[in-house]
């Protein structure tokens, strides 16, 4: 459904009556938007997304297909989420690198007095409950940020990050299971058998052994 002045909501999307969807927001097919959610103007959600109770998605935020944004998460603009990203309950993606309410002269800061910086999260990554991601940040594909982590540095693909500040404590596979070392910089998922290879400071999916 689309009107000249309202949001574009696909007819198969389910939007609770208490949700606030601002003008020019886009909600993709088969998405579900739950109670008291606020999605700001220009935000774009792909198909198959789930946005939980009380979540906030800022203006012009881009959310890929099949993402899950859990209750009371705060996704501030200009965040970019790839397909299949998981945002846990009460997660915060910040957007102000030098936060102040006022300028040095005591005047109130207005929109033009600060520069937006965002968090980019690649495909399949998961951010655990109450984690805080301090922009600017790039969080790599299929990585996992543990609950309660404060992330202040970029996260490589497949990294498992925990702590305050967040540090890599291991590697994680696409299944969400922690990888097991099998020698020579190679790692294996105990669930799927997929193998991964260290590449500099990161990890990548390796050519799989033949049967």
C-alpha atoms as a PDB file:
ATOM      1  CA  UNK A   1       0.000   0.000   0.000  1.00  0.00           C
ATOM      2  CA  UNK A   2       1.373   3.422  -0.913  1.00  0.00           C
ATOM      3  CA  UNK A   3       0.077   6.961  -0.801  1.00  0.00           C
ATOM      4  CA  UNK A   4       1.706  10.160  -2.120  1.00  0.00           C
ATOM      5  CA  UNK A   5       2.400  11.369   1.417  1.00  0.00           C
ATOM      6  CA  UNK A   6       2.628   8.160   3.443  1.00  0.00           C
ATOM      7  CA  UNK A   7       4.889   5.144   3.811  1.00  0.00           C
ATOM      8  CA  UNK A   8       5.156   2.396   1.219  1.00  0.00           C
ATOM      9  CA  UNK A   9       4.059  -0.792   2.974  1.00  0.00           C
ATOM     10  CA  UNK A  10       3.895  -4.007   0.976  1.00  0.00           C
ATOM     11  CA  UNK A  11       0.448  -5.582   1.128  1.00  0.00           C
ATOM     12  CA  UNK A  12       1.844  -8.784   2.695  1.00  0.00           C
ATOM     13  CA  UNK A  13       3.599  -6.914   5.532  1.00  0.00           C
ATOM     14  CA  UNK A  14       2.020  -7.026   8.999  1.00  0.00           C
ATOM     15  CA  UNK A  15       2.128  -3.754  10.906  1.00  0.00           C
ATOM     16  CA  UNK A  16       0.645  -3.414  14.399  1.00  0.00           C
ATOM     17  CA  UNK A  17      -1.811  -0.549  14.743  1.00  0.00           C
ATOM     18  CA  UNK A  18       0.297   1.040  17.497  1.00  0.00           C
ATOM     19  CA  UNK A  19       3.445   1.230  15.331  1.00  0.00           C
ATOM     20  CA  UNK A  20       4.410   4.636  13.936  1.00  0.00           C
ATOM     21  CA  UNK A  21       5.625   4.466  10.334  1.00  0.00           C
ATOM     22  CA  UNK A  22       6.641   7.909   9.086  1.00  0.00           C
ATOM     23  CA  UNK A  23       6.139   9.222   5.538  1.00  0.00           C
ATOM     24  CA  UNK A  24       8.419   7.855   2.819  1.00  0.00           C
ATOM     25  CA  UNK A  25       9.474   4.829   4.875  1.00  0.00           C
ATOM     26  CA  UNK A  26       9.381   1.528   2.978  1.00  0.00           C
ATOM     27  CA  UNK A  27       8.382  -1.817   4.490  1.00  0.00           C
ATOM     28  CA  UNK A  28       9.104  -4.884   2.358  1.00  0.00           C
ATOM     29  CA  UNK A  29       7.019  -7.964   1.662  1.00  0.00           C
ATOM     30  CA  UNK A  30       6.274 -10.397   4.504  1.00  0.00           C
ATOM     31  CA  UNK A  31       7.836  -8.147   7.137  1.00  0.00           C
ATOM     32  CA  UNK A  32       6.339  -7.915  10.632  1.00  0.00           C
ATOM     33  CA  UNK A  33       6.363  -4.675  12.621  1.00  0.00           C
ATOM     34  CA  UNK A  34       5.283  -5.072  16.252  1.00  0.00           C
ATOM     35  CA  UNK A  35       3.825  -2.799  18.922  1.00  0.00           C
ATOM     36  CA  UNK A  36       5.096   0.745  19.539  1.00  0.00           C
ATOM     37  CA  UNK A  37       7.831   0.539  16.921  1.00  0.00           C
ATOM     38  CA  UNK A  38       8.875   3.845  15.351  1.00  0.00           C
ATOM     39  CA  UNK A  39      10.295   3.781  11.818  1.00  0.00           C
ATOM     40  CA  UNK A  40      11.373   7.193  10.574  1.00  0.00           C
ATOM     41  CA  UNK A  41      10.910   8.795   7.197  1.00  0.00           C
ATOM     42  CA  UNK A  42      13.081   7.425   4.406  1.00  0.00           C
ATOM     43  CA  UNK A  43      14.023   4.224   6.250  1.00  0.00           C
ATOM     44  CA  UNK A  44      13.922   1.174   3.982  1.00  0.00           C
ATOM     45  CA  UNK A  45      13.315  -2.356   5.261  1.00  0.00           C
ATOM     46  CA  UNK A  46      13.688  -5.320   2.948  1.00  0.00           C
ATOM     47  CA  UNK A  47      11.440  -8.354   2.735  1.00  0.00           C
ATOM     48  CA  UNK A  48      10.966 -10.813   5.585  1.00  0.00           C
ATOM     49  CA  UNK A  49      12.148  -8.457   8.342  1.00  0.00           C
ATOM     50  CA  UNK A  50      10.905  -8.611  11.933  1.00  0.00           C
ATOM     51  CA  UNK A  51      11.012  -5.488  14.104  1.00  0.00           C
ATOM     52  CA  UNK A  52      10.146  -6.010  17.774  1.00  0.00           C
ATOM     53  CA  UNK A  53       8.180  -4.003  20.281  1.00  0.00           C
ATOM     54  CA  UNK A  54       9.402  -0.481  20.969  1.00  0.00           C
ATOM     55  CA  UNK A  55      12.285  -0.573  18.483  1.00  0.00           C
ATOM     56  CA  UNK A  56      13.441   2.649  16.814  1.00  0.00           C
ATOM     57  CA  UNK A  57      14.800   2.871  13.260  1.00  0.00           C
ATOM     58  CA  UNK A  58      16.118   6.282  12.265  1.00  0.00           C
ATOM     59  CA  UNK A  59      15.632   8.329   9.088  1.00  0.00           C
ATOM     60  CA  UNK A  60      17.081   6.805   5.908  1.00  0.00           C
ATOM     61  CA  UNK A  61      18.408   3.700   7.708  1.00  0.00           C
ATOM     62  CA  UNK A  62      18.787   0.823   5.238  1.00  0.00           C
ATOM     63  CA  UNK A  63      17.860  -2.702   6.395  1.00  0.00           C
ATOM     64  CA  UNK A  64      18.392  -5.745   4.161  1.00  0.00           C
ATOM     65  CA  UNK A  65      16.118  -8.739   3.688  1.00  0.00           C
ATOM     66  CA  UNK A  66      15.364 -11.171   6.533  1.00  0.00           C
ATOM     67  CA  UNK A  67      16.774  -9.043   9.344  1.00  0.00           C
ATOM     68  CA  UNK A  68      15.576  -9.343  12.937  1.00  0.00           C
ATOM     69  CA  UNK A  69      15.594  -6.225  15.095  1.00  0.00           C
ATOM     70  CA  UNK A  70      14.502  -7.167  18.596  1.00  0.00           C
ATOM     71  CA  UNK A  71      12.535  -5.306  21.287  1.00  0.00           C
ATOM     72  CA  UNK A  72      13.667  -1.788  22.191  1.00  0.00           C
ATOM     73  CA  UNK A  73      16.697  -1.775  19.905  1.00  0.00           C
ATOM     74  CA  UNK A  74      17.806   1.712  18.781  1.00  0.00           C
ATOM     75  CA  UNK A  75      19.148   1.840  15.214  1.00  0.00           C
ATOM     76  CA  UNK A  76      20.226   5.413  14.559  1.00  0.00           C
ATOM     77  CA  UNK A  77      20.852   6.879  11.130  1.00  0.00           C
ATOM     78  CA  UNK A  78      22.835   6.461   8.937  1.00  0.00           C
ATOM     79  CA  UNK A  79      23.130   2.756   9.858  1.00  0.00           C
ATOM     80  CA  UNK A  80      23.317   0.181   7.059  1.00  0.00           C
ATOM     81  CA  UNK A  81      22.346  -3.445   7.750  1.00  0.00           C
ATOM     82  CA  UNK A  82      22.995  -6.222   5.246  1.00  0.00           C
ATOM     83  CA  UNK A  83      20.742  -9.208   4.676  1.00  0.00           C
ATOM     84  CA  UNK A  84      20.110 -11.551   7.595  1.00  0.00           C
ATOM     85  CA  UNK A  85      21.485  -9.287  10.331  1.00  0.00           C
ATOM     86  CA  UNK A  86      20.339  -9.960  13.913  1.00  0.00           C
ATOM     87  CA  UNK A  87      20.023  -7.024  16.324  1.00  0.00           C
ATOM     88  CA  UNK A  88      19.309  -8.208  19.877  1.00  0.00           C
ATOM     89  CA  UNK A  89      17.065  -6.620  22.511  1.00  0.00           C
ATOM     90  CA  UNK A  90      18.065  -3.108  23.646  1.00  0.00           C
ATOM     91  CA  UNK A  91      21.061  -2.912  21.291  1.00  0.00           C
ATOM     92  CA  UNK A  92      22.179   0.638  20.449  1.00  0.00           C
ATOM     93  CA  UNK A  93      23.837   1.652  17.174  1.00  0.00           C
ATOM     94  CA  UNK A  94      25.087   5.202  17.814  1.00  0.00           C
ATOM     95  CA  UNK A  95      25.604   8.019  15.321  1.00  0.00           C
ATOM     96  CA  UNK A  96      27.400  10.886  17.098  1.00  0.00           C
ATOM     97  CA  UNK A  97      31.174  10.642  17.477  1.00  0.00           C
ATOM     98  CA  UNK A  98      31.469  13.760  19.657  1.00  0.00           C
ATOM     99  CA  UNK A  99      28.160  13.981  21.568  1.00  0.00           C
ATOM    100  CA  UNK A 100      27.237  17.285  23.171  1.00  0.00           C
ATOM    101  CA  UNK A 101      23.884  18.959  23.865  1.00  0.00           C
ATOM    102  CA  UNK A 102      25.377  22.447  23.505  1.00  0.00           C
ATOM    103  CA  UNK A 103      28.118  24.265  21.607  1.00  0.00           C
ATOM    104  CA  UNK A 104      31.160  25.771  23.394  1.00  0.00           C
ATOM    105  CA  UNK A 105      29.330  29.118  23.568  1.00  0.00           C
ATOM    106  CA  UNK A 106      26.449  27.496  25.448  1.00  0.00           C
ATOM    107  CA  UNK A 107      24.005  27.598  22.541  1.00  0.00           C
ATOM    108  CA  UNK A 108      21.883  24.552  21.838  1.00  0.00           C
ATOM    109  CA  UNK A 109      23.293  22.194  19.218  1.00  0.00           C
ATOM    110  CA  UNK A 110      21.105  21.963  16.122  1.00  0.00           C
ATOM    111  CA  UNK A 111      21.102  19.468  13.262  1.00  0.00           C
ATOM    112  CA  UNK A 112      23.749  21.423  11.343  1.00  0.00           C
ATOM    113  CA  UNK A 113      26.102  21.525  14.346  1.00  0.00           C
ATOM    114  CA  UNK A 114      27.119  17.863  14.196  1.00  0.00           C
ATOM    115  CA  UNK A 115      28.062  15.278  11.621  1.00  0.00           C
ATOM    116  CA  UNK A 116      26.292  11.953  11.437  1.00  0.00           C
ATOM    117  CA  UNK A 117      28.478   8.834  11.486  1.00  0.00           C
ATOM    118  CA  UNK A 118      27.025   5.361  11.183  1.00  0.00           C
ATOM    119  CA  UNK A 119      27.401   1.665  11.864  1.00  0.00           C
ATOM    120  CA  UNK A 120      27.579  -0.669   8.861  1.00  0.00           C
ATOM    121  CA  UNK A 121      26.816  -4.337   9.534  1.00  0.00           C
ATOM    122  CA  UNK A 122      27.421  -6.928   6.830  1.00  0.00           C
ATOM    123  CA  UNK A 123      25.392  -9.997   5.926  1.00  0.00           C
ATOM    124  CA  UNK A 124      24.563 -12.542   8.617  1.00  0.00           C
ATOM    125  CA  UNK A 125      26.219 -10.749  11.543  1.00  0.00           C
ATOM    126  CA  UNK A 126      24.618 -10.889  15.000  1.00  0.00           C
ATOM    127  CA  UNK A 127      24.683  -8.232  17.734  1.00  0.00           C
ATOM    128  CA  UNK A 128      23.807  -9.591  21.192  1.00  0.00           C
ATOM    129  CA  UNK A 129      21.406  -8.085  23.715  1.00  0.00           C
ATOM    130  CA  UNK A 130      22.324  -4.679  25.182  1.00  0.00           C
ATOM    131  CA  UNK A 131      25.487  -4.358  23.134  1.00  0.00           C
ATOM    132  CA  UNK A 132      26.490  -0.807  22.192  1.00  0.00           C
ATOM    133  CA  UNK A 133      28.147  -0.200  18.819  1.00  0.00           C
ATOM    134  CA  UNK A 134      29.892   3.190  18.857  1.00  0.00           C
ATOM    135  CA  UNK A 135      29.997   4.727  15.382  1.00  0.00           C
ATOM    136  CA  UNK A 136      31.778   4.965  13.060  1.00  0.00           C
ATOM    137  CA  UNK A 137      32.084   1.176  12.785  1.00  0.00           C
ATOM    138  CA  UNK A 138      32.152  -1.622  10.220  1.00  0.00           C
ATOM    139  CA  UNK A 139      31.048  -5.025  11.502  1.00  0.00           C
ATOM    140  CA  UNK A 140      31.991  -7.858   9.156  1.00  0.00           C
ATOM    141  CA  UNK A 141      29.845 -10.599   7.694  1.00  0.00           C
ATOM    142  CA  UNK A 142      28.759 -13.479   9.946  1.00  0.00           C
ATOM    143  CA  UNK A 143      30.573 -12.050  12.957  1.00  0.00           C
ATOM    144  CA  UNK A 144      29.019 -12.153  16.426  1.00  0.00           C
ATOM    145  CA  UNK A 145      29.080  -9.468  19.111  1.00  0.00           C
ATOM    146  CA  UNK A 146      28.387 -10.946  22.561  1.00  0.00           C
ATOM    147  CA  UNK A 147      25.647  -9.558  24.799  1.00  0.00           C
ATOM    148  CA  UNK A 148      26.665  -6.446  26.705  1.00  0.00           C
ATOM    149  CA  UNK A 149      29.742  -5.735  24.575  1.00  0.00           C
ATOM    150  CA  UNK A 150      30.826  -2.147  23.873  1.00  0.00           C
ATOM    151  CA  UNK A 151      32.240  -2.143  20.341  1.00  0.00           C
ATOM    152  CA  UNK A 152      34.602   0.726  19.491  1.00  0.00           C
ATOM    153  CA  UNK A 153      36.708  -0.867  16.729  1.00  0.00           C
ATOM    154  CA  UNK A 154      35.855  -2.503  13.408  1.00  0.00           C
ATOM    155  CA  UNK A 155      35.017  -6.206  13.640  1.00  0.00           C
ATOM    156  CA  UNK A 156      36.400  -8.662  11.039  1.00  0.00           C
ATOM    157  CA  UNK A 157      34.176 -11.147   9.269  1.00  0.00           C
ATOM    158  CA  UNK A 158      33.529 -14.301  11.341  1.00  0.00           C
ATOM    159  CA  UNK A 159      35.003 -12.746  14.505  1.00  0.00           C
ATOM    160  CA  UNK A 160      33.535 -13.448  17.946  1.00  0.00           C
ATOM    161  CA  UNK A 161      33.835 -10.248  19.993  1.00  0.00           C
ATOM    162  CA  UNK A 162      33.139  -9.720  23.700  1.00  0.00           C
ATOM    163  CA  UNK A 163      34.012  -7.374  26.567  1.00  0.00           C
ATOM    164  CA  UNK A 164      34.306  -3.668  27.328  1.00  0.00           C
ATOM    165  CA  UNK A 165      35.809  -2.574  25.070  1.00  0.00           C
ATOM    166  CA  UNK A 166      35.071  -5.440  22.704  1.00  0.00           C
ATOM    167  CA  UNK A 167      37.953  -7.696  21.698  1.00  0.00           C
ATOM    168  CA  UNK A 168      38.069 -10.746  19.486  1.00  0.00           C
ATOM    169  CA  UNK A 169      38.000 -13.892  21.629  1.00  0.00           C
ATOM    170  CA  UNK A 170      37.574 -16.430  18.845  1.00  0.00           C
ATOM    171  CA  UNK A 171      36.072 -17.179  15.460  1.00  0.00           C
ATOM    172  CA  UNK A 172      32.453 -18.009  14.672  1.00  0.00           C
ATOM    173  CA  UNK A 173      30.952 -19.900  11.726  1.00  0.00           C
ATOM    174  CA  UNK A 174      27.879 -19.184   9.645  1.00  0.00           C
ATOM    175  CA  UNK A 175      25.906 -21.577  11.875  1.00  0.00           C
ATOM    176  CA  UNK A 176      26.622 -19.389  14.926  1.00  0.00           C
ATOM    177  CA  UNK A 177      28.864 -22.051  16.488  1.00  0.00           C
ATOM    178  CA  UNK A 178      32.379 -21.286  17.681  1.00  0.00           C
ATOM    179  CA  UNK A 179      35.007 -22.638  15.283  1.00  0.00           C
ATOM    180  CA  UNK A 180      37.597 -25.249  16.250  1.00  0.00           C
ATOM    181  CA  UNK A 181      41.233 -24.978  15.145  1.00  0.00           C
ATOM    182  CA  UNK A 182      42.381 -27.783  12.845  1.00  0.00           C
ATOM    183  CA  UNK A 183      45.929 -26.530  12.145  1.00  0.00           C
ATOM    184  CA  UNK A 184      47.819 -24.263   9.740  1.00  0.00           C
ATOM    185  CA  UNK A 185      45.468 -21.343  10.248  1.00  0.00           C
ATOM    186  CA  UNK A 186      42.467 -23.443   9.350  1.00  0.00           C
ATOM    187  CA  UNK A 187      39.251 -23.645  11.378  1.00  0.00           C
ATOM    188  CA  UNK A 188      36.225 -25.918  11.238  1.00  0.00           C
ATOM    189  CA  UNK A 189      32.590 -25.528  12.284  1.00  0.00           C
ATOM    190  CA  UNK A 190      31.607 -28.401  14.604  1.00  0.00           C
ATOM    191  CA  UNK A 191      28.020 -28.165  13.397  1.00  0.00           C
ATOM    192  CA  UNK A 192      28.257 -27.964   9.595  1.00  0.00           C
ATOM    193  CA  UNK A 193      31.828 -29.128   8.929  1.00  0.00           C
ATOM    194  CA  UNK A 194      32.528 -25.955   6.943  1.00  0.00           C
ATOM    195  CA  UNK A 195      36.177 -24.932   6.985  1.00  0.00           C
ATOM    196  CA  UNK A 196      37.637 -21.438   7.183  1.00  0.00           C
ATOM    197  CA  UNK A 197      41.112 -20.059   6.535  1.00  0.00           C
ATOM    198  CA  UNK A 198      42.918 -17.221   8.293  1.00  0.00           C
ATOM    199  CA  UNK A 199      43.619 -14.318   5.969  1.00  0.00           C
ATOM    200  CA  UNK A 200      45.828 -11.673   7.586  1.00  0.00           C
ATOM    201  CA  UNK A 201      43.917 -10.461  10.645  1.00  0.00           C
ATOM    202  CA  UNK A 202      40.655 -11.910   9.335  1.00  0.00           C
ATOM    203  CA  UNK A 203      39.030 -15.162   8.321  1.00  0.00           C
ATOM    204  CA  UNK A 204      37.319 -16.340   5.148  1.00  0.00           C
ATOM    205  CA  UNK A 205      35.350 -19.365   4.076  1.00  0.00           C
ATOM    206  CA  UNK A 206      37.813 -21.848   2.571  1.00  0.00           C
ATOM    207  CA  UNK A 207      37.461 -24.243  -0.315  1.00  0.00           C
ATOM    208  CA  UNK A 208      35.769 -27.225   1.272  1.00  0.00           C
ATOM    209  CA  UNK A 209      37.492 -30.627   1.337  1.00  0.00           C
ATOM    210  CA  UNK A 210      36.021 -33.197  -1.023  1.00  0.00           C
ATOM    211  CA  UNK A 211      34.608 -36.440   0.296  1.00  0.00           C
END
